[in-house]
Structure formats: structure tokens, C-alpha cells
């Protein structure tokens, strides 16, 4: 498995126990996403273009 360098997403809540997503963008042509409460759990990998579309949609949905 590549050595992903995860950071907490700015979309995650700041309190423990909330919905927490970590994102790694240190591997070329890959964006990796995981649940910060399940560090050993599954990792979703996406193409950067797919991640950009996803986050753009999130920004459009914010009140």
C-alpha cells in the first residue's frame, strides 16, 4: 500500500466523534479518502478530477 499522508478535511467537524474525513493527495494522480475514526479501515482512492467534481458539488450545496 502506498504511504498516504492523510490530513483532516476542512469539511469535517472539529469535535471527537463527529463525521471526520481524512484526505491524502501526496501520491501522483491519486486522492485517497478515509474515515478518521477507522484508521485501519478501507481507503477510497479517486482520480483528482473526480475529487474536484465531488468537492465542487459540496461547495454548491452549502447554505
N, C-alpha and C. Protein backbone atom coordinates (compact mmCIF):
# COMPACT_ATOMS: atom_id res chain seq x y z
N UNK A 1 0.84 -1.18 0.00
CA UNK A 1 0.00 0.00 0.00
C UNK A 1 0.89 1.24 0.00
N UNK A 2 0.55 2.24 -0.79
CA UNK A 2 1.34 3.48 -0.80
C UNK A 2 1.32 4.15 0.57
N UNK A 3 2.31 4.97 0.84
CA UNK A 3 2.40 5.69 2.11
C UNK A 3 1.60 6.98 2.02
N UNK A 4 0.30 6.87 2.22
CA UNK A 4 -0.56 8.05 2.17
C UNK A 4 -0.28 8.95 3.36
N UNK A 5 -0.27 10.25 3.13
CA UNK A 5 -0.11 11.24 4.19
C UNK A 5 -1.46 11.94 4.36
N UNK A 6 -2.27 11.41 5.27
CA UNK A 6 -3.62 11.92 5.46
C UNK A 6 -3.65 13.18 6.31
N UNK A 7 -4.56 14.08 5.95
CA UNK A 7 -4.86 15.27 6.75
C UNK A 7 -6.38 15.35 6.87
N UNK A 8 -6.84 15.92 7.98
CA UNK A 8 -8.28 16.03 8.18
C UNK A 8 -8.86 17.03 7.19
N UNK A 9 -9.94 16.66 6.56
CA UNK A 9 -10.61 17.52 5.60
C UNK A 9 -11.20 18.74 6.29
N UNK A 10 -11.21 19.86 5.60
CA UNK A 10 -11.83 21.07 6.15
C UNK A 10 -13.34 20.92 6.26
N UNK A 11 -13.91 19.91 5.62
CA UNK A 11 -15.35 19.65 5.70
C UNK A 11 -15.72 18.86 6.95
N UNK A 12 -14.72 18.36 7.69
CA UNK A 12 -15.00 17.56 8.87
C UNK A 12 -15.26 18.44 10.08
N UNK A 13 -16.07 17.93 11.00
CA UNK A 13 -16.31 18.63 12.25
C UNK A 13 -15.08 18.61 13.12
N UNK A 14 -14.99 19.54 14.05
CA UNK A 14 -13.81 19.64 14.90
C UNK A 14 -13.87 18.82 16.16
N UNK A 15 -15.02 18.32 16.56
CA UNK A 15 -15.16 17.58 17.81
C UNK A 15 -14.98 16.08 17.59
N UNK A 16 -14.43 15.43 18.62
CA UNK A 16 -14.25 13.98 18.54
C UNK A 16 -15.61 13.31 18.39
N UNK A 17 -15.67 12.26 17.60
CA UNK A 17 -16.90 11.52 17.41
C UNK A 17 -17.77 12.04 16.28
N UNK A 18 -17.41 13.20 15.73
CA UNK A 18 -18.19 13.72 14.62
C UNK A 18 -17.74 13.06 13.32
N UNK A 19 -18.43 13.41 12.25
CA UNK A 19 -18.07 12.89 10.94
C UNK A 19 -16.71 13.45 10.55
N UNK A 20 -15.72 12.59 10.45
CA UNK A 20 -14.36 13.03 10.17
C UNK A 20 -13.81 12.30 8.95
N UNK A 21 -13.41 13.07 7.98
CA UNK A 21 -12.85 12.52 6.77
C UNK A 21 -11.41 13.01 6.66
N UNK A 22 -10.51 12.10 6.32
CA UNK A 22 -9.13 12.47 6.08
C UNK A 22 -8.82 12.24 4.61
N UNK A 23 -8.01 13.13 4.05
CA UNK A 23 -7.69 13.10 2.63
C UNK A 23 -6.18 13.13 2.46
N UNK A 24 -5.69 12.32 1.52
CA UNK A 24 -4.26 12.32 1.17
C UNK A 24 -4.13 12.63 -0.31
N UNK A 25 -3.27 13.60 -0.62
CA UNK A 25 -3.04 13.97 -2.02
C UNK A 25 -1.57 13.90 -2.38
N UNK A 26 -0.80 13.12 -1.61
CA UNK A 26 0.65 13.08 -1.82
C UNK A 26 1.10 12.06 -2.85
N UNK A 27 0.21 11.23 -3.36
CA UNK A 27 0.55 10.23 -4.37
C UNK A 27 0.09 10.78 -5.73
N UNK A 28 0.96 10.85 -6.71
CA UNK A 28 0.56 11.39 -8.02
C UNK A 28 -0.67 10.70 -8.60
N UNK A 29 -1.55 11.49 -9.18
CA UNK A 29 -2.76 11.03 -9.88
C UNK A 29 -3.72 10.27 -8.97
N UNK A 30 -3.63 10.50 -7.64
CA UNK A 30 -4.50 9.80 -6.69
C UNK A 30 -4.91 10.72 -5.56
N UNK A 31 -6.18 10.64 -5.19
CA UNK A 31 -6.68 11.26 -3.96
C UNK A 31 -7.23 10.11 -3.14
N UNK A 32 -6.72 9.95 -1.92
CA UNK A 32 -7.18 8.88 -1.03
C UNK A 32 -8.02 9.49 0.08
N UNK A 33 -9.10 8.79 0.44
CA UNK A 33 -10.03 9.28 1.46
C UNK A 33 -10.29 8.15 2.44
N UNK A 34 -10.35 8.50 3.74
CA UNK A 34 -10.69 7.51 4.75
C UNK A 34 -11.44 8.16 5.90
N UNK A 35 -12.08 7.32 6.70
CA UNK A 35 -12.77 7.76 7.91
C UNK A 35 -11.72 7.85 9.01
N UNK A 36 -11.59 9.01 9.64
CA UNK A 36 -10.55 9.18 10.65
C UNK A 36 -10.82 8.35 11.90
N UNK A 37 -12.03 7.87 12.08
CA UNK A 37 -12.34 7.02 13.22
C UNK A 37 -11.98 5.56 12.96
N UNK A 38 -11.65 5.23 11.71
CA UNK A 38 -11.29 3.85 11.33
C UNK A 38 -9.97 3.87 10.57
N UNK A 39 -8.90 4.20 11.28
CA UNK A 39 -7.60 4.36 10.62
C UNK A 39 -7.14 3.11 9.88
N UNK A 40 -7.52 1.95 10.37
CA UNK A 40 -7.15 0.71 9.70
C UNK A 40 -8.21 0.23 8.72
N UNK A 41 -9.26 1.01 8.57
CA UNK A 41 -10.37 0.64 7.70
C UNK A 41 -10.06 0.86 6.23
N UNK A 42 -11.07 0.78 5.41
CA UNK A 42 -10.86 0.91 3.97
C UNK A 42 -10.45 2.32 3.57
N UNK A 43 -9.74 2.40 2.46
CA UNK A 43 -9.32 3.67 1.86
C UNK A 43 -9.92 3.74 0.47
N UNK A 44 -10.62 4.80 0.19
CA UNK A 44 -11.20 5.04 -1.13
C UNK A 44 -10.21 5.86 -1.93
N UNK A 45 -9.87 5.41 -3.13
CA UNK A 45 -8.96 6.18 -3.98
C UNK A 45 -9.72 6.68 -5.20
N UNK A 46 -9.43 7.92 -5.56
CA UNK A 46 -10.11 8.58 -6.67
C UNK A 46 -9.10 9.28 -7.56
N UNK A 47 -9.50 9.52 -8.79
CA UNK A 47 -8.72 10.39 -9.66
C UNK A 47 -8.92 11.83 -9.18
N UNK A 48 -7.91 12.67 -9.26
CA UNK A 48 -8.06 14.06 -8.82
C UNK A 48 -9.25 14.78 -9.46
N UNK A 49 -9.54 14.51 -10.73
CA UNK A 49 -10.68 15.16 -11.39
C UNK A 49 -12.00 14.78 -10.72
N UNK A 50 -12.14 13.51 -10.32
CA UNK A 50 -13.36 13.07 -9.63
C UNK A 50 -13.48 13.74 -8.27
N UNK A 51 -12.38 13.87 -7.55
CA UNK A 51 -12.39 14.55 -6.26
C UNK A 51 -12.77 16.02 -6.43
N UNK A 52 -12.26 16.66 -7.46
CA UNK A 52 -12.58 18.07 -7.71
C UNK A 52 -14.07 18.26 -8.00
N UNK A 53 -14.66 17.36 -8.76
CA UNK A 53 -16.10 17.44 -9.04
C UNK A 53 -16.89 17.24 -7.75
N UNK A 54 -16.49 16.27 -6.93
CA UNK A 54 -17.16 16.00 -5.67
C UNK A 54 -17.11 17.21 -4.74
N UNK A 55 -15.94 17.79 -4.54
CA UNK A 55 -15.82 18.92 -3.62
C UNK A 55 -16.51 20.17 -4.17
N UNK A 56 -16.51 20.35 -5.49
CA UNK A 56 -17.24 21.48 -6.08
C UNK A 56 -18.73 21.35 -5.81
N UNK A 57 -19.25 20.13 -5.88
CA UNK A 57 -20.67 19.90 -5.58
C UNK A 57 -20.95 20.19 -4.11
N UNK A 58 -20.06 19.81 -3.22
CA UNK A 58 -20.25 20.12 -1.80
C UNK A 58 -20.32 21.64 -1.57
N UNK A 59 -19.43 22.36 -2.22
CA UNK A 59 -19.43 23.84 -2.06
C UNK A 59 -20.72 24.44 -2.56
N UNK A 60 -21.27 23.92 -3.65
CA UNK A 60 -22.54 24.44 -4.18
C UNK A 60 -23.69 24.18 -3.22
N UNK A 61 -23.62 23.11 -2.46
CA UNK A 61 -24.72 22.73 -1.56
C UNK A 61 -24.69 23.46 -0.22
N UNK A 62 -23.59 24.10 0.12
CA UNK A 62 -23.50 24.79 1.41
C UNK A 62 -24.46 25.97 1.43
N UNK A 63 -25.16 26.14 2.58
CA UNK A 63 -26.11 27.28 2.68
C UNK A 63 -25.42 28.61 2.70
